Amino acid sequence: MSYKESLKSLTENVGGGLAAIIMGYDGIPIEEYLVDSNQFDLQLLSVEYSNLLRDIRKTVDLLENGDMEEVLIATDQLKVLVRVINDQFFLVLVITTNGNYGKGRFLLSREALKLRYDLV
């Protein structure tokens, strides 16, 4: 299955899924899937959040509390779930505020594990 197909499956199999993207900490997207391109600017969201995630990762490393695994950013319009793939890449799932957060976390974790072996 291609990255695009994996992201499409991830997005469409969670209730309220809007988009998914495989991203590098350098801000460069590997692949993305967006249900409705008019809904929001996925590129801008992912680039800005990659900067934030780099800072969070530095803080986690500084505190020596283990490795960062997952981050949730919730607003009144969306939830952005982020799962670390490896030290270079992360996976993002964007869902509606009423989307199935639990299923999203499960599917995101499962997909990140698969991608960990592909993105070496």
C-alpha atoms as a PDB file:
ATOM      1  CA  MET A   1       0.000   0.000   0.000  1.00  0.00           C
ATOM      2  CA  SER A   2       1.354   3.442  -0.922  1.00  0.00           C
ATOM      3  CA  TYR A   3       1.776   6.206   1.642  1.00  0.00           C
ATOM      4  CA  LYS A   4      -1.135   8.109   0.061  1.00  0.00           C
ATOM      5  CA  GLU A   5      -3.399   5.044   0.320  1.00  0.00           C
ATOM      6  CA  SER A   6      -2.356   4.498   3.953  1.00  0.00           C
ATOM      7  CA  LEU A   7      -3.152   8.106   4.835  1.00  0.00           C
ATOM      8  CA  LYS A   8      -6.488   7.940   3.013  1.00  0.00           C
ATOM      9  CA  SER A   9      -7.421   4.758   4.878  1.00  0.00           C
ATOM     10  CA  LEU A  10      -6.364   6.275   8.198  1.00  0.00           C
ATOM     11  CA  THR A  11      -8.385   9.445   7.595  1.00  0.00           C
ATOM     12  CA  GLU A  12     -11.505   7.764   6.280  1.00  0.00           C
ATOM     13  CA  ASN A  13     -11.642   4.999   8.899  1.00  0.00           C
ATOM     14  CA  VAL A  14     -11.819   7.332  11.869  1.00  0.00           C
ATOM     15  CA  GLY A  15     -15.058   9.199  12.469  1.00  0.00           C
ATOM     16  CA  GLY A  16     -14.580  12.874  11.651  1.00  0.00           C
ATOM     17  CA  GLY A  17     -11.264  12.415   9.860  1.00  0.00           C
ATOM     18  CA  LEU A  18     -10.199  15.466   7.849  1.00  0.00           C
ATOM     19  CA  ALA A  19      -6.567  14.909   6.888  1.00  0.00           C
ATOM     20  CA  ALA A  20      -3.376  12.988   7.535  1.00  0.00           C
ATOM     21  CA  ILE A  21       0.223  13.782   6.739  1.00  0.00           C
ATOM     22  CA  ILE A  22       3.639  12.175   7.104  1.00  0.00           C
ATOM     23  CA  MET A  23       6.057  14.928   7.994  1.00  0.00           C
ATOM     24  CA  GLY A  24       9.718  15.396   8.772  1.00  0.00           C
ATOM     25  CA  TYR A  25      10.886  17.456  11.727  1.00  0.00           C
ATOM     26  CA  ASP A  26      12.550  19.663   9.111  1.00  0.00           C
ATOM     27  CA  GLY A  27       9.065  20.778   8.011  1.00  0.00           C
ATOM     28  CA  ILE A  28       9.098  18.892   4.713  1.00  0.00           C
ATOM     29  CA  PRO A  29       6.022  16.729   4.068  1.00  0.00           C
ATOM     30  CA  ILE A  30       6.560  13.208   2.734  1.00  0.00           C
ATOM     31  CA  GLU A  31       2.928  12.568   1.780  1.00  0.00           C
ATOM     32  CA  GLU A  32      -0.495  13.921   2.671  1.00  0.00           C
ATOM     33  CA  TYR A  33      -4.166  13.197   2.246  1.00  0.00           C
ATOM     34  CA  LEU A  34      -6.872  15.824   2.653  1.00  0.00           C
ATOM     35  CA  VAL A  35     -10.601  15.052   2.426  1.00  0.00           C
ATOM     36  CA  ASP A  36     -11.568  18.614   1.414  1.00  0.00           C
ATOM     37  CA  SER A  37      -8.796  20.933   0.253  1.00  0.00           C
ATOM     38  CA  ASN A  38     -10.976  23.990   0.915  1.00  0.00           C
ATOM     39  CA  GLN A  39     -11.410  23.209   4.614  1.00  0.00           C
ATOM     40  CA  PHE A  40      -8.012  24.465   5.879  1.00  0.00           C
ATOM     41  CA  ASP A  41      -4.393  24.907   4.823  1.00  0.00           C
ATOM     42  CA  LEU A  42      -2.782  21.576   5.689  1.00  0.00           C
ATOM     43  CA  GLN A  43       0.666  22.697   4.546  1.00  0.00           C
ATOM     44  CA  LEU A  44       0.644  25.732   6.836  1.00  0.00           C
ATOM     45  CA  LEU A  45      -0.716  23.713   9.740  1.00  0.00           C
ATOM     46  CA  SER A  46       1.915  21.009   9.354  1.00  0.00           C
ATOM     47  CA  VAL A  47       4.868  23.380   8.923  1.00  0.00           C
ATOM     48  CA  GLU A  48       3.896  25.458  11.956  1.00  0.00           C
ATOM     49  CA  TYR A  49       3.244  22.392  14.095  1.00  0.00           C
ATOM     50  CA  SER A  50       6.566  20.835  13.045  1.00  0.00           C
ATOM     51  CA  ASN A  51       8.295  23.862  14.610  1.00  0.00           C
ATOM     52  CA  LEU A  52       6.264  23.400  17.776  1.00  0.00           C
ATOM     53  CA  LEU A  53       6.993  19.660  17.882  1.00  0.00           C
ATOM     54  CA  ARG A  54      10.732  20.262  17.602  1.00  0.00           C
ATOM     55  CA  ASP A  55      10.497  22.502  20.666  1.00  0.00           C
ATOM     56  CA  ILE A  56       8.392  19.978  22.578  1.00  0.00           C
ATOM     57  CA  ARG A  57      10.838  17.205  21.709  1.00  0.00           C
ATOM     58  CA  LYS A  58      13.784  19.310  22.949  1.00  0.00           C
ATOM     59  CA  THR A  59      11.944  19.945  26.217  1.00  0.00           C
ATOM     60  CA  VAL A  60      11.113  16.256  26.671  1.00  0.00           C
ATOM     61  CA  ASP A  61      14.760  15.357  26.012  1.00  0.00           C
ATOM     62  CA  LEU A  62      15.956  18.009  28.466  1.00  0.00           C
ATOM     63  CA  LEU A  63      13.660  16.716  31.216  1.00  0.00           C
ATOM     64  CA  GLU A  64      14.803  13.130  30.591  1.00  0.00           C
ATOM     65  CA  ASN A  65      11.305  11.712  31.093  1.00  0.00           C
ATOM     66  CA  GLY A  66      11.556   9.277  28.187  1.00  0.00           C
ATOM     67  CA  ASP A  67      10.950   9.723  24.481  1.00  0.00           C
ATOM     68  CA  MET A  68       8.075  11.765  23.098  1.00  0.00           C
ATOM     69  CA  GLU A  69       5.420   9.467  21.633  1.00  0.00           C
ATOM     70  CA  GLU A  70       2.236  11.457  21.105  1.00  0.00           C
ATOM     71  CA  VAL A  71       0.925  15.018  21.176  1.00  0.00           C
ATOM     72  CA  LEU A  72      -2.654  16.326  20.988  1.00  0.00           C
ATOM     73  CA  ILE A  73      -3.513  19.882  20.053  1.00  0.00           C
ATOM     74  CA  ALA A  74      -7.232  20.570  20.480  1.00  0.00           C
ATOM     75  CA  THR A  75      -8.983  23.742  19.367  1.00  0.00           C
ATOM     76  CA  ASP A  76     -12.654  24.634  19.152  1.00  0.00           C
ATOM     77  CA  GLN A  77     -12.598  23.588  15.466  1.00  0.00           C
ATOM     78  CA  LEU A  78     -10.266  20.583  15.240  1.00  0.00           C
ATOM     79  CA  LYS A  79      -8.094  18.087  17.000  1.00  0.00           C
ATOM     80  CA  VAL A  80      -4.587  17.500  15.711  1.00  0.00           C
ATOM     81  CA  LEU A  81      -3.144  14.168  16.832  1.00  0.00           C
ATOM     82  CA  VAL A  82       0.572  13.654  16.324  1.00  0.00           C
ATOM     83  CA  ARG A  83       2.420  10.362  16.654  1.00  0.00           C
ATOM     84  CA  VAL A  84       6.187  10.024  16.434  1.00  0.00           C
ATOM     85  CA  ILE A  85       7.351   7.567  13.757  1.00  0.00           C
ATOM     86  CA  ASN A  86      11.092   7.810  14.449  1.00  0.00           C
ATOM     87  CA  ASP A  87      13.664  10.511  15.214  1.00  0.00           C
ATOM     88  CA  GLN A  88      13.168  12.075  11.756  1.00  0.00           C
ATOM     89  CA  PHE A  89       9.437  11.767  11.013  1.00  0.00           C
ATOM     90  CA  PHE A  90       6.018  12.038  12.602  1.00  0.00           C
ATOM     91  CA  LEU A  91       2.455  11.254  11.557  1.00  0.00           C
ATOM     92  CA  VAL A  92      -0.386  13.748  11.908  1.00  0.00           C
ATOM     93  CA  LEU A  93      -4.121  13.038  11.924  1.00  0.00           C
ATOM     94  CA  VAL A  94      -6.574  15.931  11.868  1.00  0.00           C
ATOM     95  CA  ILE A  95     -10.135  15.236  13.010  1.00  0.00           C
ATOM     96  CA  THR A  96     -13.192  17.316  13.827  1.00  0.00           C
ATOM     97  CA  THR A  97     -13.766  18.240  17.463  1.00  0.00           C
ATOM     98  CA  ASN A  98     -16.519  15.622  17.582  1.00  0.00           C
ATOM     99  CA  GLY A  99     -14.409  13.026  15.766  1.00  0.00           C
ATOM    100  CA  ASN A 100     -13.633   9.648  17.282  1.00  0.00           C
ATOM    101  CA  TYR A 101     -10.514  10.564  19.250  1.00  0.00           C
ATOM    102  CA  GLY A 102      -9.977   7.105  20.759  1.00  0.00           C
ATOM    103  CA  LYS A 103     -10.159   5.329  17.421  1.00  0.00           C
ATOM    104  CA  GLY A 104      -7.962   8.029  15.906  1.00  0.00           C
ATOM    105  CA  ARG A 105      -5.269   7.419  18.527  1.00  0.00           C
ATOM    106  CA  PHE A 106      -5.425   3.677  17.979  1.00  0.00           C
ATOM    107  CA  LEU A 107      -5.229   3.898  14.171  1.00  0.00           C
ATOM    108  CA  LEU A 108      -2.501   6.540  14.337  1.00  0.00           C
ATOM    109  CA  SER A 109      -0.392   4.390  16.646  1.00  0.00           C
ATOM    110  CA  ARG A 110      -0.835   1.333  14.434  1.00  0.00           C
ATOM    111  CA  GLU A 111       0.045   3.236  11.245  1.00  0.00           C
ATOM    112  CA  ALA A 112       3.086   4.916  12.823  1.00  0.00           C
ATOM    113  CA  LEU A 113       4.427   1.503  13.793  1.00  0.00           C
ATOM    114  CA  LYS A 114       4.085   0.275  10.191  1.00  0.00           C
ATOM    115  CA  LEU A 115       5.773   3.411   8.852  1.00  0.00           C
ATOM    116  CA  ARG A 116       8.651   3.084  11.321  1.00  0.00           C
ATOM    117  CA  TYR A 117       9.986   0.173   9.274  1.00  0.00           C
ATOM    118  CA  ASP A 118       9.474   1.915   5.914  1.00  0.00           C
ATOM    119  CA  LEU A 119      11.017   5.274   6.815  1.00  0.00           C
ATOM    120  CA  VAL A 120      14.493   4.302   7.946  1.00  0.00           C
END
